[in-house]
Amino acid sequence: MAAHPLVDLSALVLVVVANSTPVLLSVLLGNRWAYPIDGRRALPDGRPIFGSHKTWRGLIGGTLAGGATGALLSAGFATGAVFGLLALTGDLLSSFIKRRLARPSGRDTPLLDQLPETLLPMLLLHDRLSLGAGAILGTAALFTLLDLVAAKVFTFRRAPSR
């Protein structure tokens, strides 16, 4: 009987790549091709649907980067691309919820910023990626921890010097 891992490194790499690609593209390209997915429209509550940080460039870039990573990890381009698209869809869901909660765009909200983007792709692709419940939960927990640490490090680095 084979033991099931508590963390699936392929899924972890896929979620990190999908979610870091939009940020990397923003750093490299600035505002070039950064068209907001919601078209800057708001719902009747007056708040944006997703916010200006959620762009078509990031969605397409993260999906393609997920595909390329999936091909390198032997999951296949199509599976990696779907994983990336689902991860970024989870990120859009968390942004939608954060806007309804009146959280400003770009403001960190622990767990809500990490869990939808990790759980959605892993739950929907668990058969294709051979992910057990332990690996899904463990990978989501590790990604959450890594993302929270990274957010603290990068927030600290952005703080103005005194």
Foldseek 3Di string as FASTA:
>chain_A
DDDADLADVLLLVLLCQLVCQLVVCCVVPPCVQQQAPQNQDPDPVPFGQQDSSHGPCSLVRSLQSQLVSCVVVVLHSVLRSVLSNQLVVLQSVLSNVCRVVVNDPPDDDQPSNQPRSQQRSCVVCCVSVVHDPSNSVSSSVVSSVVVVVVVVVVVVVPDDDD
